[in-house]
C-alpha atoms as a PDB file:
ATOM      1  CA  MET A   1      -3.500  20.877  -8.011  1.00  0.00           C
ATOM      2  CA  LEU A   2      -7.048  19.540  -7.798  1.00  0.00           C
ATOM      3  CA  ILE A   3      -8.103  17.175  -5.009  1.00  0.00           C
ATOM      4  CA  ASP A   4     -11.484  15.473  -4.998  1.00  0.00           C
ATOM      5  CA  VAL A   5     -12.382  14.186  -1.527  1.00  0.00           C
ATOM      6  CA  LEU A   6     -15.073  11.521  -1.191  1.00  0.00           C
ATOM      7  CA  THR A   7     -16.518  11.663   2.314  1.00  0.00           C
ATOM      8  CA  LEU A   8     -19.723  11.198   4.294  1.00  0.00           C
ATOM      9  CA  PHE A   9     -18.889  14.239   6.435  1.00  0.00           C
ATOM     10  CA  PRO A  10     -17.810  17.159   4.214  1.00  0.00           C
ATOM     11  CA  GLN A  11     -18.530  19.671   6.984  1.00  0.00           C
ATOM     12  CA  MET A  12     -15.559  18.326   8.939  1.00  0.00           C
ATOM     13  CA  PHE A  13     -13.239  19.983   6.419  1.00  0.00           C
ATOM     14  CA  ASP A  14     -14.640  23.515   6.749  1.00  0.00           C
ATOM     15  CA  GLY A  15     -12.219  24.806   9.374  1.00  0.00           C
ATOM     16  CA  PRO A  16      -8.922  23.143   8.387  1.00  0.00           C
ATOM     17  CA  LEU A  17      -9.333  23.986   4.696  1.00  0.00           C
ATOM     18  CA  SER A  18     -10.217  27.611   5.382  1.00  0.00           C
ATOM     19  CA  GLU A  19      -7.203  28.642   7.472  1.00  0.00           C
ATOM     20  CA  SER A  20      -3.441  29.113   7.295  1.00  0.00           C
ATOM     21  CA  ILE A  21      -1.358  27.618   4.466  1.00  0.00           C
ATOM     22  CA  VAL A  22      -4.201  25.690   2.832  1.00  0.00           C
ATOM     23  CA  LYS A  23      -6.325  28.839   2.705  1.00  0.00           C
ATOM     24  CA  ARG A  24      -3.440  30.751   1.116  1.00  0.00           C
ATOM     25  CA  ALA A  25      -2.901  28.032  -1.488  1.00  0.00           C
ATOM     26  CA  ARG A  26      -6.578  28.066  -2.423  1.00  0.00           C
ATOM     27  CA  GLU A  27      -6.677  31.851  -2.653  1.00  0.00           C
ATOM     28  CA  LYS A  28      -3.621  31.841  -4.924  1.00  0.00           C
ATOM     29  CA  GLY A  29      -5.183  29.240  -7.180  1.00  0.00           C
ATOM     30  CA  ARG A  30      -2.490  26.669  -6.398  1.00  0.00           C
ATOM     31  CA  LEU A  31      -4.989  24.286  -4.817  1.00  0.00           C
ATOM     32  CA  ASN A  32      -8.595  23.446  -5.604  1.00  0.00           C
ATOM     33  CA  ILE A  33     -10.456  21.100  -3.253  1.00  0.00           C
ATOM     34  CA  ASN A  34     -13.791  19.568  -4.129  1.00  0.00           C
ATOM     35  CA  LEU A  35     -15.734  17.822  -1.339  1.00  0.00           C
ATOM     36  CA  ILE A  36     -18.147  15.129  -2.499  1.00  0.00           C
ATOM     37  CA  ASN A  37     -20.625  13.391  -0.225  1.00  0.00           C
ATOM     38  CA  PHE A  38     -20.742   9.923  -1.731  1.00  0.00           C
ATOM     39  CA  ARG A  39     -24.071   9.279   0.016  1.00  0.00           C
ATOM     40  CA  ASP A  40     -25.510  11.271  -2.892  1.00  0.00           C
ATOM     41  CA  PHE A  41     -24.597   8.365  -5.180  1.00  0.00           C
ATOM     42  CA  CYS A  42     -26.791   5.844  -3.389  1.00  0.00           C
ATOM     43  CA  THR A  43     -29.741   4.701  -5.491  1.00  0.00           C
ATOM     44  CA  ASP A  44     -32.101   3.444  -2.758  1.00  0.00           C
ATOM     45  CA  LYS A  45     -34.788   5.632  -1.212  1.00  0.00           C
ATOM     46  CA  HIS A  46     -33.114   5.870   2.192  1.00  0.00           C
ATOM     47  CA  LYS A  47     -29.603   6.626   0.857  1.00  0.00           C
ATOM     48  CA  GLN A  48     -28.121   3.810   2.927  1.00  0.00           C
ATOM     49  CA  VAL A  49     -24.324   3.656   2.537  1.00  0.00           C
ATOM     50  CA  ASP A  50     -23.544   0.818   4.950  1.00  0.00           C
ATOM     51  CA  ASP A  51     -24.698  -2.701   5.769  1.00  0.00           C
ATOM     52  CA  TYR A  52     -23.802  -5.675   7.976  1.00  0.00           C
ATOM     53  CA  PRO A  53     -20.691  -7.663   6.998  1.00  0.00           C
ATOM     54  CA  TYR A  54     -21.101 -11.076   5.393  1.00  0.00           C
ATOM     55  CA  GLY A  55     -19.857 -13.760   7.749  1.00  0.00           C
ATOM     56  CA  GLY A  56     -20.946 -11.838  10.829  1.00  0.00           C
ATOM     57  CA  GLY A  57     -18.949  -9.716  13.223  1.00  0.00           C
ATOM     58  CA  ALA A  58     -19.267  -6.307  14.849  1.00  0.00           C
ATOM     59  CA  GLY A  59     -19.461  -3.046  12.928  1.00  0.00           C
ATOM     60  CA  MET A  60     -20.894  -1.905   9.623  1.00  0.00           C
ATOM     61  CA  VAL A  61     -19.291  -1.919   6.172  1.00  0.00           C
ATOM     62  CA  ILE A  62     -19.659   0.770   3.505  1.00  0.00           C
ATOM     63  CA  LYS A  63     -21.323  -0.651   0.407  1.00  0.00           C
ATOM     64  CA  PRO A  64     -19.411  -0.673  -2.894  1.00  0.00           C
ATOM     65  CA  GLU A  65     -22.094   0.950  -5.061  1.00  0.00           C
ATOM     66  CA  PRO A  66     -21.887   4.616  -3.912  1.00  0.00           C
ATOM     67  CA  LEU A  67     -18.093   4.695  -4.124  1.00  0.00           C
ATOM     68  CA  PHE A  68     -17.961   3.064  -7.547  1.00  0.00           C
ATOM     69  CA  ARG A  69     -20.645   5.424  -8.836  1.00  0.00           C
ATOM     70  CA  ALA A  70     -18.881   8.481  -7.363  1.00  0.00           C
ATOM     71  CA  VAL A  71     -15.540   7.612  -8.970  1.00  0.00           C
ATOM     72  CA  GLU A  72     -17.229   6.771 -12.272  1.00  0.00           C
ATOM     73  CA  PHE A  73     -18.868  10.195 -12.149  1.00  0.00           C
ATOM     74  CA  LEU A  74     -15.450  11.820 -11.685  1.00  0.00           C
ATOM     75  CA  LYS A  75     -13.950   9.785 -14.521  1.00  0.00           C
ATOM     76  CA  GLN A  76     -16.545  11.271 -16.847  1.00  0.00           C
ATOM     77  CA  LYS A  77     -16.182  14.790 -15.452  1.00  0.00           C
ATOM     78  CA  ARG A  78     -12.419  15.237 -15.081  1.00  0.00           C
ATOM     79  CA  GLU A  79     -10.191  15.758 -18.103  1.00  0.00           C
ATOM     80  CA  TYR A  80      -7.259  14.279 -16.184  1.00  0.00           C
ATOM     81  CA  PHE A  81      -8.554  10.759 -16.859  1.00  0.00           C
ATOM     82  CA  LYS A  82      -8.283  11.383 -20.600  1.00  0.00           C
ATOM     83  CA  ASN A  83      -4.702  12.633 -20.405  1.00  0.00           C
ATOM     84  CA  GLU A  84      -3.178  10.505 -17.642  1.00  0.00           C
ATOM     85  CA  SER A  85      -2.715   6.738 -17.689  1.00  0.00           C
ATOM     86  CA  SER A  86      -2.827   6.435 -13.901  1.00  0.00           C
ATOM     87  CA  ILE A  87      -4.750   8.748 -11.571  1.00  0.00           C
ATOM     88  CA  PRO A  88      -4.033   8.312  -7.819  1.00  0.00           C
ATOM     89  CA  ILE A  89      -7.208   7.104  -6.102  1.00  0.00           C
ATOM     90  CA  ILE A  90      -6.153   6.937  -2.467  1.00  0.00           C
ATOM     91  CA  TYR A  91      -7.952   5.224   0.391  1.00  0.00           C
ATOM     92  CA  LEU A  92      -7.034   6.494   3.869  1.00  0.00           C
ATOM     93  CA  THR A  93      -6.805   3.410   6.082  1.00  0.00           C
ATOM     94  CA  PRO A  94      -4.691   2.092   9.010  1.00  0.00           C
ATOM     95  CA  GLN A  95      -3.828  -0.832   6.726  1.00  0.00           C
ATOM     96  CA  GLY A  96      -2.120   1.408   4.163  1.00  0.00           C
ATOM     97  CA  ARG A  97       1.552   2.246   3.708  1.00  0.00           C
ATOM     98  CA  LEU A  98       2.835   4.809   6.175  1.00  0.00           C
ATOM     99  CA  PHE A  99       2.607   8.439   5.098  1.00  0.00           C
ATOM    100  CA  ASN A 100       5.886  10.347   5.311  1.00  0.00           C
ATOM    101  CA  GLN A 101       7.614  13.404   3.870  1.00  0.00           C
ATOM    102  CA  GLN A 102       8.932  11.534   0.843  1.00  0.00           C
ATOM    103  CA  LEU A 103       5.443  10.361  -0.033  1.00  0.00           C
ATOM    104  CA  ALA A 104       4.135  13.914   0.452  1.00  0.00           C
ATOM    105  CA  LYS A 105       6.727  15.084  -2.099  1.00  0.00           C
ATOM    106  CA  GLU A 106       5.661  12.413  -4.580  1.00  0.00           C
ATOM    107  CA  LEU A 107       1.994  13.336  -4.277  1.00  0.00           C
ATOM    108  CA  GLY A 108       2.836  17.034  -4.458  1.00  0.00           C
ATOM    109  CA  LYS A 109       4.036  16.503  -8.034  1.00  0.00           C
ATOM    110  CA  LYS A 110       0.630  15.249  -9.123  1.00  0.00           C
ATOM    111  CA  GLU A 111      -1.917  17.544 -10.742  1.00  0.00           C
ATOM    112  CA  TYR A 112      -4.917  15.564  -9.508  1.00  0.00           C
ATOM    113  CA  LEU A 113      -5.724  13.293  -6.566  1.00  0.00           C
ATOM    114  CA  ILE A 114      -8.839  11.490  -5.396  1.00  0.00           C
ATOM    115  CA  LEU A 115      -9.006  10.804  -1.645  1.00  0.00           C
ATOM    116  CA  ILE A 116     -11.538   8.338  -0.260  1.00  0.00           C
ATOM    117  CA  CYS A 117     -12.455   8.662   3.402  1.00  0.00           C
ATOM    118  CA  GLY A 118     -13.822   5.472   4.867  1.00  0.00           C
ATOM    119  CA  HIS A 119     -15.958   5.229   7.964  1.00  0.00           C
ATOM    120  CA  TYR A 120     -17.486   2.607  10.243  1.00  0.00           C
ATOM    121  CA  LYS A 121     -15.681  -0.774  10.248  1.00  0.00           C
ATOM    122  CA  ASP A 122     -14.349  -0.536   6.685  1.00  0.00           C
ATOM    123  CA  ILE A 123     -15.347  -0.217   3.056  1.00  0.00           C
ATOM    124  CA  ASP A 124     -16.335  -3.238   0.955  1.00  0.00           C
ATOM    125  CA  TYR A 125     -13.077  -4.893  -0.086  1.00  0.00           C
ATOM    126  CA  ARG A 126     -14.100  -4.958  -3.740  1.00  0.00           C
ATOM    127  CA  VAL A 127     -13.588  -1.194  -3.772  1.00  0.00           C
ATOM    128  CA  ARG A 128     -10.022  -1.722  -2.625  1.00  0.00           C
ATOM    129  CA  GLU A 129      -9.417  -4.539  -5.105  1.00  0.00           C
ATOM    130  CA  HIS A 130     -10.838  -2.906  -8.226  1.00  0.00           C
ATOM    131  CA  LEU A 131     -10.960   0.867  -7.674  1.00  0.00           C
ATOM    132  CA  ILE A 132      -8.260   2.029  -5.263  1.00  0.00           C
ATOM    133  CA  THR A 133      -4.732   2.588  -6.614  1.00  0.00           C
ATOM    134  CA  ASP A 134      -3.048   3.337  -3.284  1.00  0.00           C
ATOM    135  CA  GLU A 135      -3.723   2.945   0.438  1.00  0.00           C
ATOM    136  CA  ILE A 136      -2.164   5.330   2.947  1.00  0.00           C
ATOM    137  CA  SER A 137      -2.015   5.385   6.752  1.00  0.00           C
ATOM    138  CA  ILE A 138      -0.928   8.360   8.870  1.00  0.00           C
ATOM    139  CA  GLY A 139       0.122   6.174  11.796  1.00  0.00           C
ATOM    140  CA  ASP A 140      -0.280   2.978  13.763  1.00  0.00           C
ATOM    141  CA  TYR A 141      -3.567   3.884  15.420  1.00  0.00           C
ATOM    142  CA  VAL A 142      -7.253   3.864  14.509  1.00  0.00           C
ATOM    143  CA  LEU A 143      -9.457   6.936  14.002  1.00  0.00           C
ATOM    144  CA  SER A 144     -13.215   7.142  13.486  1.00  0.00           C
ATOM    145  CA  GLY A 145     -12.830   7.759   9.759  1.00  0.00           C
ATOM    146  CA  GLY A 146     -10.569   8.900   6.962  1.00  0.00           C
ATOM    147  CA  GLU A 147     -11.426  12.597   7.182  1.00  0.00           C
ATOM    148  CA  ILE A 148      -8.660  13.636   9.584  1.00  0.00           C
ATOM    149  CA  PRO A 149      -5.999  11.591   7.723  1.00  0.00           C
ATOM    150  CA  ALA A 150      -7.163  13.252   4.491  1.00  0.00           C
ATOM    151  CA  MET A 151      -6.708  16.674   6.099  1.00  0.00           C
ATOM    152  CA  VAL A 152      -3.214  15.697   7.240  1.00  0.00           C
ATOM    153  CA  LEU A 153      -2.286  14.556   3.736  1.00  0.00           C
ATOM    154  CA  ILE A 154      -3.719  17.707   2.147  1.00  0.00           C
ATOM    155  CA  ASP A 155      -1.834  19.994   4.546  1.00  0.00           C
ATOM    156  CA  ALA A 156       1.491  18.167   4.097  1.00  0.00           C
ATOM    157  CA  VAL A 157       1.196  18.200   0.304  1.00  0.00           C
ATOM    158  CA  THR A 158      -0.066  21.778   0.067  1.00  0.00           C
ATOM    159  CA  ARG A 159       2.919  23.365   1.808  1.00  0.00           C
ATOM    160  CA  LEU A 160       5.178  21.811  -0.846  1.00  0.00           C
ATOM    161  CA  LEU A 161       3.336  23.461  -3.742  1.00  0.00           C
ATOM    162  CA  PRO A 162       5.117  26.360  -5.490  1.00  0.00           C
ATOM    163  CA  ASP A 163       4.550  29.870  -4.156  1.00  0.00           C
ATOM    164  CA  VAL A 164       2.534  28.721  -1.140  1.00  0.00           C
ATOM    165  CA  LEU A 165       4.941  29.237   1.766  1.00  0.00           C
ATOM    166  CA  GLY A 166       6.121  32.756   2.509  1.00  0.00           C
ATOM    167  CA  ASN A 167       9.690  31.505   2.154  1.00  0.00           C
ATOM    168  CA  GLU A 168      10.104  28.272   0.207  1.00  0.00           C
ATOM    169  CA  GLU A 169      13.568  27.745   1.728  1.00  0.00           C
ATOM    170  CA  SER A 170      11.782  27.069   5.017  1.00  0.00           C
ATOM    171  CA  ALA A 171      10.438  23.741   3.746  1.00  0.00           C
ATOM    172  CA  LYS A 172      13.939  22.610   2.790  1.00  0.00           C
ATOM    173  CA  THR A 173      15.045  22.661   6.433  1.00  0.00           C
ATOM    174  CA  ASP A 174      12.013  20.901   7.896  1.00  0.00           C
ATOM    175  CA  SER A 175      12.195  17.616   9.750  1.00  0.00           C
ATOM    176  CA  PHE A 176      12.775  14.542   7.541  1.00  0.00           C
ATOM    177  CA  GLU A 177      14.209  16.593   4.653  1.00  0.00           C
ATOM    178  CA  ASP A 178      17.678  15.160   5.294  1.00  0.00           C
ATOM    179  CA  LYS A 179      16.444  12.009   7.063  1.00  0.00           C
ATOM    180  CA  LEU A 180      16.761  13.761  10.429  1.00  0.00           C
ATOM    181  CA  LEU A 181      14.464  15.642  12.768  1.00  0.00           C
ATOM    182  CA  ASP A 182      14.886  19.406  12.716  1.00  0.00           C
ATOM    183  CA  CYS A 183      17.138  21.338  15.096  1.00  0.00           C
ATOM    184  CA  PRO A 184      15.930  23.758  17.832  1.00  0.00           C
ATOM    185  CA  TYR A 185      15.073  27.367  17.010  1.00  0.00           C
ATOM    186  CA  TYR A 186      15.056  30.484  19.203  1.00  0.00           C
ATOM    187  CA  THR A 187      13.825  34.051  18.828  1.00  0.00           C
ATOM    188  CA  ARG A 188      13.683  37.242  20.891  1.00  0.00           C
ATOM    189  CA  PRO A 189      14.187  37.946  23.749  1.00  0.00           C
ATOM    190  CA  LYS A 190      17.738  36.677  24.249  1.00  0.00           C
ATOM    191  CA  ASN A 191      17.031  36.087  27.932  1.00  0.00           C
ATOM    192  CA  PHE A 192      13.570  34.896  28.970  1.00  0.00           C
ATOM    193  CA  ARG A 193      13.111  34.291  32.713  1.00  0.00           C
ATOM    194  CA  GLY A 194      16.767  33.346  32.952  1.00  0.00           C
ATOM    195  CA  TYR A 195      16.577  30.914  30.018  1.00  0.00           C
ATOM    196  CA  LYS A 196      19.155  32.127  27.505  1.00  0.00           C
ATOM    197  CA  VAL A 197      19.595  31.632  23.773  1.00  0.00           C
ATOM    198  CA  PRO A 198      22.745  29.565  23.022  1.00  0.00           C
ATOM    199  CA  GLU A 199      25.677  31.902  22.417  1.00  0.00           C
ATOM    200  CA  VAL A 200      26.628  30.273  19.109  1.00  0.00           C
ATOM    201  CA  LEU A 201      23.356  31.504  17.548  1.00  0.00           C
ATOM    202  CA  LEU A 202      24.291  35.073  18.479  1.00  0.00           C
ATOM    203  CA  SER A 203      27.855  34.820  17.178  1.00  0.00           C
ATOM    204  CA  GLY A 204      27.207  35.647  13.538  1.00  0.00           C
ATOM    205  CA  ASN A 205      29.514  32.776  12.550  1.00  0.00           C
ATOM    206  CA  HIS A 206      27.385  30.931   9.995  1.00  0.00           C
ATOM    207  CA  GLN A 207      29.712  27.941   9.749  1.00  0.00           C
ATOM    208  CA  LYS A 208      29.594  27.336  13.506  1.00  0.00           C
ATOM    209  CA  ILE A 209      25.821  27.879  13.517  1.00  0.00           C
ATOM    210  CA  ALA A 210      25.390  25.292  10.744  1.00  0.00           C
ATOM    211  CA  GLN A 211      27.596  22.826  12.674  1.00  0.00           C
ATOM    212  CA  TRP A 212      25.614  23.437  15.879  1.00  0.00           C
ATOM    213  CA  ARG A 213      22.301  22.902  14.112  1.00  0.00           C
ATOM    214  CA  LYS A 214      23.528  19.691  12.507  1.00  0.00           C
ATOM    215  CA  HIS A 215      24.753  18.395  15.856  1.00  0.00           C
ATOM    216  CA  LYS A 216      21.453  19.255  17.560  1.00  0.00           C
ATOM    217  CA  ALA A 217      19.444  17.612  14.768  1.00  0.00           C
ATOM    218  CA  LEU A 218      21.463  14.420  15.238  1.00  0.00           C
ATOM    219  CA  GLU A 219      21.056  14.649  19.011  1.00  0.00           C
ATOM    220  CA  ILE A 220      17.265  15.079  18.845  1.00  0.00           C
ATOM    221  CA  THR A 221      16.871  12.365  16.229  1.00  0.00           C
ATOM    222  CA  LYS A 222      18.909   9.906  18.305  1.00  0.00           C
ATOM    223  CA  LYS A 223      16.814  10.698  21.383  1.00  0.00           C
ATOM    224  CA  ASN A 224      13.318  10.682  19.821  1.00  0.00           C
ATOM    225  CA  ARG A 225      13.583   8.547  16.674  1.00  0.00           C
ATOM    226  CA  THR A 226      16.259   5.910  16.903  1.00  0.00           C
ATOM    227  CA  ASP A 227      14.837   4.281  13.761  1.00  0.00           C
ATOM    228  CA  LEU A 228      15.761   7.360  11.722  1.00  0.00           C
ATOM    229  CA  PHE A 229      19.117   7.789  13.458  1.00  0.00           C
ATOM    230  CA  SER A 230      20.227   4.245  12.658  1.00  0.00           C
END
């Protein structure tokens, strides 16, 4: 998978993309991430990416020109545009559809993604009308920009790629895989400061263990996410 990320702050990605699962995926050649500072596509002397909004109001708006020019550059450079009828060009915004595990699975099947990280008040709406193919939000709150949501999306998608996790069966039992939150897990020691591992997990009876885990998953989902439980 190749992901082109359009951002004004590429340095923000250095740590998260160089550790853990994402690092492993990149080392194995399963994931290639290209960070593009779209300020480089400004044509004025001062490389100004933002301006005041028409109609007044607080905040600054990212101009359409650098984003259009950056995507047009990628359309000329990437072979995917010649072979695919629809390339996902995703804008990370609180106004987008909510990101979830099902959406991560859908994006994980793609060979190529473009992620656009906004900043300031917003991007010029003409970019969203005529360039963006999808808008995604990671939750009902507002961050300073789209960089952290892009990292979240990349991490969630990466762990679903083939041969990335140490044990691919692990992903199949994660939260949301069966519409429920995951069950509790325990490891050694059996007794820690008087807090003991449930006896059923030590029984060796796999049927009872599976039943216990299912019951606990339902219990946790009902307690923490009634929307999923219903």
